[in-house]
């Protein structure tokens, strides 16, 4: 997750707007557009077989992308979408209350996990306040978050293109930290 913060915030420029941390996982949100976020998970004590692949190359183990989160205007819109999904025989969760946002989860026809959310407390509409425990709730955040709280990242991470499916450990060893 530390490298994810360094890449998505430090390289891409997507603001880290919220974090969740439990004994089982970390869940961090990055703003990618007005009201839109991309979310990443890091599972504690679990080995995930990750890999690198070219964009558009089908691969049966393509599970690195967790889910896309889309913002809705209000709770009523969230409930309308949930009901619309159900009316089209699409399975959808009940509303999950994360405190700062409420979400429903479902899959698209390709099996891609999707989340639709209403920000009860919208972190994308204001400057990041890393001391706000309502939004930054990981009790043991990665080092990059502490650096952001002090003003900027100490360094970012490099990435490489690949021409074939490559085990992540091999691809990653070619990646060296870069100063921001």
C-alpha atoms as a PDB file:
ATOM      1  CA  UNK A   1       0.000   0.000   0.000  1.00  0.00           C
ATOM      2  CA  UNK A   2       2.911   2.342   0.684  1.00  0.00           C
ATOM      3  CA  UNK A   3       4.028   2.010  -2.945  1.00  0.00           C
ATOM      4  CA  UNK A   4       0.419   2.483  -4.088  1.00  0.00           C
ATOM      5  CA  UNK A   5       0.300   5.844  -2.252  1.00  0.00           C
ATOM      6  CA  UNK A   6       3.652   6.811  -3.740  1.00  0.00           C
ATOM      7  CA  UNK A   7       2.458   5.960  -7.263  1.00  0.00           C
ATOM      8  CA  UNK A   8      -1.168   7.153  -7.253  1.00  0.00           C
ATOM      9  CA  UNK A   9      -0.477  10.341  -5.258  1.00  0.00           C
ATOM     10  CA  UNK A  10       3.179  10.989  -6.030  1.00  0.00           C
ATOM     11  CA  UNK A  11       3.269  10.023  -9.716  1.00  0.00           C
ATOM     12  CA  UNK A  12      -0.315  10.271 -10.995  1.00  0.00           C
ATOM     13  CA  UNK A  13      -1.242  13.212  -8.747  1.00  0.00           C
ATOM     14  CA  UNK A  14      -4.434  11.592  -7.400  1.00  0.00           C
ATOM     15  CA  UNK A  15      -5.121  12.900  -3.914  1.00  0.00           C
ATOM     16  CA  UNK A  16      -5.341  10.347  -1.107  1.00  0.00           C
ATOM     17  CA  UNK A  17      -8.736  11.279   0.358  1.00  0.00           C
ATOM     18  CA  UNK A  18      -9.556   8.499   2.834  1.00  0.00           C
ATOM     19  CA  UNK A  19      -8.104   5.386   4.478  1.00  0.00           C
ATOM     20  CA  UNK A  20      -9.533   2.438   6.366  1.00  0.00           C
ATOM     21  CA  UNK A  21      -7.315   0.074   8.328  1.00  0.00           C
ATOM     22  CA  UNK A  22      -8.302  -3.079  10.187  1.00  0.00           C
ATOM     23  CA  UNK A  23      -6.423  -6.116  11.441  1.00  0.00           C
ATOM     24  CA  UNK A  24      -7.410  -7.868   8.187  1.00  0.00           C
ATOM     25  CA  UNK A  25      -6.873  -5.180   5.522  1.00  0.00           C
ATOM     26  CA  UNK A  26      -6.131  -1.627   4.482  1.00  0.00           C
ATOM     27  CA  UNK A  27      -8.495   0.182   2.060  1.00  0.00           C
ATOM     28  CA  UNK A  28      -7.270   3.494   0.587  1.00  0.00           C
ATOM     29  CA  UNK A  29      -9.181   5.895  -1.700  1.00  0.00           C
ATOM     30  CA  UNK A  30      -7.616   8.223  -4.293  1.00  0.00           C
ATOM     31  CA  UNK A  31      -9.525  11.027  -6.050  1.00  0.00           C
ATOM     32  CA  UNK A  32      -9.359  10.591  -9.840  1.00  0.00           C
ATOM     33  CA  UNK A  33     -11.926  13.255 -10.763  1.00  0.00           C
ATOM     34  CA  UNK A  34     -14.524  15.446  -9.105  1.00  0.00           C
ATOM     35  CA  UNK A  35     -16.259  13.076  -6.712  1.00  0.00           C
ATOM     36  CA  UNK A  36     -14.632   9.998  -8.285  1.00  0.00           C
ATOM     37  CA  UNK A  37     -12.188   7.723  -6.532  1.00  0.00           C
ATOM     38  CA  UNK A  38     -10.236   4.575  -7.208  1.00  0.00           C
ATOM     39  CA  UNK A  39      -9.848   2.256  -4.219  1.00  0.00           C
ATOM     40  CA  UNK A  40      -7.142  -0.258  -3.360  1.00  0.00           C
ATOM     41  CA  UNK A  41      -6.952  -3.027  -0.794  1.00  0.00           C
ATOM     42  CA  UNK A  42      -3.956  -4.550   0.967  1.00  0.00           C
ATOM     43  CA  UNK A  43      -4.728  -7.753   2.851  1.00  0.00           C
ATOM     44  CA  UNK A  44      -2.722  -8.410   6.035  1.00  0.00           C
ATOM     45  CA  UNK A  45      -0.953 -11.769   6.229  1.00  0.00           C
ATOM     46  CA  UNK A  46      -2.241 -12.897   2.817  1.00  0.00           C
ATOM     47  CA  UNK A  47      -0.027 -13.633  -0.155  1.00  0.00           C
ATOM     48  CA  UNK A  48      -1.671 -12.446  -3.353  1.00  0.00           C
ATOM     49  CA  UNK A  49      -0.176 -13.734  -6.596  1.00  0.00           C
ATOM     50  CA  UNK A  50       0.170 -10.473  -8.513  1.00  0.00           C
ATOM     51  CA  UNK A  51       1.560 -10.024 -12.020  1.00  0.00           C
ATOM     52  CA  UNK A  52       2.161  -7.415 -14.687  1.00  0.00           C
ATOM     53  CA  UNK A  53       0.508  -7.624 -18.118  1.00  0.00           C
ATOM     54  CA  UNK A  54       0.098  -5.324 -21.095  1.00  0.00           C
ATOM     55  CA  UNK A  55      -3.139  -3.373 -21.270  1.00  0.00           C
ATOM     56  CA  UNK A  56      -5.818  -5.220 -23.165  1.00  0.00           C
ATOM     57  CA  UNK A  57      -4.179  -8.651 -22.943  1.00  0.00           C
ATOM     58  CA  UNK A  58      -6.654 -11.193 -21.627  1.00  0.00           C
ATOM     59  CA  UNK A  59      -5.318 -13.277 -18.770  1.00  0.00           C
ATOM     60  CA  UNK A  60      -7.296 -15.614 -16.552  1.00  0.00           C
ATOM     61  CA  UNK A  61      -5.469 -14.503 -13.399  1.00  0.00           C
ATOM     62  CA  UNK A  62      -6.148 -10.779 -13.950  1.00  0.00           C
ATOM     63  CA  UNK A  63      -7.248  -9.999 -10.410  1.00  0.00           C
ATOM     64  CA  UNK A  64      -5.029  -7.074  -9.382  1.00  0.00           C
ATOM     65  CA  UNK A  65      -7.670  -4.451 -10.062  1.00  0.00           C
ATOM     66  CA  UNK A  66     -10.028  -4.709  -7.113  1.00  0.00           C
ATOM     67  CA  UNK A  67     -13.030  -2.531  -7.945  1.00  0.00           C
ATOM     68  CA  UNK A  68     -14.124   0.786  -9.405  1.00  0.00           C
ATOM     69  CA  UNK A  69     -15.997   3.151  -7.098  1.00  0.00           C
ATOM     70  CA  UNK A  70     -18.460   5.632  -8.617  1.00  0.00           C
ATOM     71  CA  UNK A  71     -19.964   8.617  -6.806  1.00  0.00           C
ATOM     72  CA  UNK A  72     -23.692   9.241  -6.665  1.00  0.00           C
ATOM     73  CA  UNK A  73     -25.251  12.599  -5.769  1.00  0.00           C
ATOM     74  CA  UNK A  74     -27.072  11.543  -2.606  1.00  0.00           C
ATOM     75  CA  UNK A  75     -28.462   8.642  -0.631  1.00  0.00           C
ATOM     76  CA  UNK A  76     -31.691   8.670  -2.643  1.00  0.00           C
ATOM     77  CA  UNK A  77     -29.687   8.120  -5.863  1.00  0.00           C
ATOM     78  CA  UNK A  78     -27.863   5.246  -4.153  1.00  0.00           C
ATOM     79  CA  UNK A  79     -31.136   3.586  -3.215  1.00  0.00           C
ATOM     80  CA  UNK A  80     -32.581   4.170  -6.718  1.00  0.00           C
ATOM     81  CA  UNK A  81     -29.563   2.478  -8.311  1.00  0.00           C
ATOM     82  CA  UNK A  82     -29.785  -0.443  -5.890  1.00  0.00           C
ATOM     83  CA  UNK A  83     -33.463  -0.876  -6.751  1.00  0.00           C
ATOM     84  CA  UNK A  84     -32.763  -0.529 -10.491  1.00  0.00           C
ATOM     85  CA  UNK A  85     -30.097  -3.228 -10.319  1.00  0.00           C
ATOM     86  CA  UNK A  86     -32.491  -5.534  -8.496  1.00  0.00           C
ATOM     87  CA  UNK A  87     -35.250  -4.852 -11.046  1.00  0.00           C
ATOM     88  CA  UNK A  88     -32.870  -6.048 -13.782  1.00  0.00           C
ATOM     89  CA  UNK A  89     -32.071  -9.256 -11.844  1.00  0.00           C
ATOM     90  CA  UNK A  90     -28.595  -8.012 -10.925  1.00  0.00           C
ATOM     91  CA  UNK A  91     -27.338  -9.098  -7.523  1.00  0.00           C
ATOM     92  CA  UNK A  92     -26.411  -6.180  -5.282  1.00  0.00           C
ATOM     93  CA  UNK A  93     -25.517  -5.804  -1.605  1.00  0.00           C
ATOM     94  CA  UNK A  94     -27.525  -3.944   0.970  1.00  0.00           C
ATOM     95  CA  UNK A  95     -26.217  -0.451   1.688  1.00  0.00           C
ATOM     96  CA  UNK A  96     -22.930  -0.670   3.603  1.00  0.00           C
ATOM     97  CA  UNK A  97     -22.304   2.245   5.999  1.00  0.00           C
ATOM     98  CA  UNK A  98     -18.567   3.023   6.099  1.00  0.00           C
ATOM     99  CA  UNK A  99     -19.107   6.106   8.269  1.00  0.00           C
ATOM    100  CA  UNK A 100     -17.858   8.694   5.773  1.00  0.00           C
ATOM    101  CA  UNK A 101     -19.627   7.059   2.827  1.00  0.00           C
ATOM    102  CA  UNK A 102     -22.439   4.650   2.088  1.00  0.00           C
ATOM    103  CA  UNK A 103     -21.983   2.077  -0.656  1.00  0.00           C
ATOM    104  CA  UNK A 104     -23.553  -0.737  -2.588  1.00  0.00           C
ATOM    105  CA  UNK A 105     -21.490  -3.423  -4.320  1.00  0.00           C
ATOM    106  CA  UNK A 106     -22.268  -5.348  -7.494  1.00  0.00           C
ATOM    107  CA  UNK A 107     -20.540  -6.776 -10.573  1.00  0.00           C
ATOM    108  CA  UNK A 108     -20.784  -5.778 -14.193  1.00  0.00           C
ATOM    109  CA  UNK A 109     -21.487  -8.342 -16.913  1.00  0.00           C
ATOM    110  CA  UNK A 110     -17.731  -9.021 -17.235  1.00  0.00           C
ATOM    111  CA  UNK A 111     -17.360  -9.830 -13.544  1.00  0.00           C
ATOM    112  CA  UNK A 112     -15.656  -6.524 -12.681  1.00  0.00           C
ATOM    113  CA  UNK A 113     -16.483  -5.552  -9.111  1.00  0.00           C
ATOM    114  CA  UNK A 114     -18.194  -2.162  -8.872  1.00  0.00           C
ATOM    115  CA  UNK A 115     -19.117   0.103  -5.981  1.00  0.00           C
ATOM    116  CA  UNK A 116     -21.580   2.984  -6.089  1.00  0.00           C
ATOM    117  CA  UNK A 117     -21.200   5.397  -3.194  1.00  0.00           C
ATOM    118  CA  UNK A 118     -22.637   8.499  -1.658  1.00  0.00           C
ATOM    119  CA  UNK A 119     -20.097  10.519   0.302  1.00  0.00           C
ATOM    120  CA  UNK A 120     -21.749  11.414   3.619  1.00  0.00           C
ATOM    121  CA  UNK A 121     -18.593  13.424   4.352  1.00  0.00           C
ATOM    122  CA  UNK A 122     -17.064  14.222   0.951  1.00  0.00           C
ATOM    123  CA  UNK A 123     -13.250  14.206   1.187  1.00  0.00           C
ATOM    124  CA  UNK A 124     -12.889  15.156  -2.479  1.00  0.00           C
ATOM    125  CA  UNK A 125     -14.524  18.574  -1.964  1.00  0.00           C
ATOM    126  CA  UNK A 126     -11.935  19.922   0.489  1.00  0.00           C
ATOM    127  CA  UNK A 127      -8.208  19.855   1.218  1.00  0.00           C
ATOM    128  CA  UNK A 128      -6.923  16.591   2.669  1.00  0.00           C
ATOM    129  CA  UNK A 129      -6.677  16.639   6.468  1.00  0.00           C
ATOM    130  CA  UNK A 130      -4.611  13.582   7.383  1.00  0.00           C
ATOM    131  CA  UNK A 131      -5.389  14.169  11.053  1.00  0.00           C
ATOM    132  CA  UNK A 132      -9.156  13.804  10.501  1.00  0.00           C
ATOM    133  CA  UNK A 133      -9.793  10.354  11.975  1.00  0.00           C
ATOM    134  CA  UNK A 134     -13.234  10.207  10.358  1.00  0.00           C
ATOM    135  CA  UNK A 135     -11.506   9.926   6.955  1.00  0.00           C
ATOM    136  CA  UNK A 136      -8.011   8.710   7.780  1.00  0.00           C
ATOM    137  CA  UNK A 137      -8.903   5.798  10.021  1.00  0.00           C
ATOM    138  CA  UNK A 138      -5.975   3.445   9.445  1.00  0.00           C
ATOM    139  CA  UNK A 139      -4.432   3.291  12.939  1.00  0.00           C
ATOM    140  CA  UNK A 140      -1.092   2.183  11.470  1.00  0.00           C
ATOM    141  CA  UNK A 141      -0.837   3.910   8.066  1.00  0.00           C
ATOM    142  CA  UNK A 142       1.946   3.219   5.604  1.00  0.00           C
ATOM    143  CA  UNK A 143       4.999   5.507   5.678  1.00  0.00           C
ATOM    144  CA  UNK A 144       3.834   7.470   2.628  1.00  0.00           C
ATOM    145  CA  UNK A 145       0.781   8.739   4.547  1.00  0.00           C
ATOM    146  CA  UNK A 146       2.991  10.099   7.329  1.00  0.00           C
ATOM    147  CA  UNK A 147       5.093  11.850   4.676  1.00  0.00           C
ATOM    148  CA  UNK A 148       1.966  13.372   3.092  1.00  0.00           C
ATOM    149  CA  UNK A 149       0.875  14.617   6.519  1.00  0.00           C
ATOM    150  CA  UNK A 150       4.212  16.468   6.710  1.00  0.00           C
ATOM    151  CA  UNK A 151       3.678  18.024   3.282  1.00  0.00           C
ATOM    152  CA  UNK A 152       5.084  15.794   0.539  1.00  0.00           C
ATOM    153  CA  UNK A 153       6.306  12.343  -0.354  1.00  0.00           C
ATOM    154  CA  UNK A 154       9.955  11.521   0.252  1.00  0.00           C
ATOM    155  CA  UNK A 155      10.065   9.505  -2.983  1.00  0.00           C
ATOM    156  CA  UNK A 156       7.872   7.917  -5.632  1.00  0.00           C
ATOM    157  CA  UNK A 157       8.089   4.572  -7.428  1.00  0.00           C
ATOM    158  CA  UNK A 158       8.969   3.787 -11.044  1.00  0.00           C
ATOM    159  CA  UNK A 159       7.024   1.408 -13.280  1.00  0.00           C
ATOM    160  CA  UNK A 160       7.852  -0.487 -16.487  1.00  0.00           C
ATOM    161  CA  UNK A 161       5.916  -1.563 -19.554  1.00  0.00           C
ATOM    162  CA  UNK A 162       5.880  -5.270 -20.362  1.00  0.00           C
ATOM    163  CA  UNK A 163       5.329  -7.195 -23.574  1.00  0.00           C
ATOM    164  CA  UNK A 164       4.072 -10.386 -21.963  1.00  0.00           C
ATOM    165  CA  UNK A 165       2.514 -11.647 -18.747  1.00  0.00           C
ATOM    166  CA  UNK A 166       5.308 -11.338 -16.202  1.00  0.00           C
ATOM    167  CA  UNK A 167       5.319 -12.567 -12.577  1.00  0.00           C
ATOM    168  CA  UNK A 168       5.003  -9.474 -10.407  1.00  0.00           C
ATOM    169  CA  UNK A 169       8.068 -10.292  -8.297  1.00  0.00           C
ATOM    170  CA  UNK A 170      10.211 -10.335 -11.467  1.00  0.00           C
ATOM    171  CA  UNK A 171       8.643  -7.139 -12.802  1.00  0.00           C
ATOM    172  CA  UNK A 172       8.913  -5.414  -9.435  1.00  0.00           C
ATOM    173  CA  UNK A 173      12.626  -6.138  -8.918  1.00  0.00           C
ATOM    174  CA  UNK A 174      13.291  -3.982 -11.975  1.00  0.00           C
ATOM    175  CA  UNK A 175      11.506  -1.056 -10.263  1.00  0.00           C
ATOM    176  CA  UNK A 176      13.662   1.264  -8.185  1.00  0.00           C
ATOM    177  CA  UNK A 177      12.415   4.085  -5.941  1.00  0.00           C
ATOM    178  CA  UNK A 178      12.715   7.564  -7.440  1.00  0.00           C
ATOM    179  CA  UNK A 179      12.912  10.866  -5.663  1.00  0.00           C
ATOM    180  CA  UNK A 180       9.883  13.148  -6.110  1.00  0.00           C
END
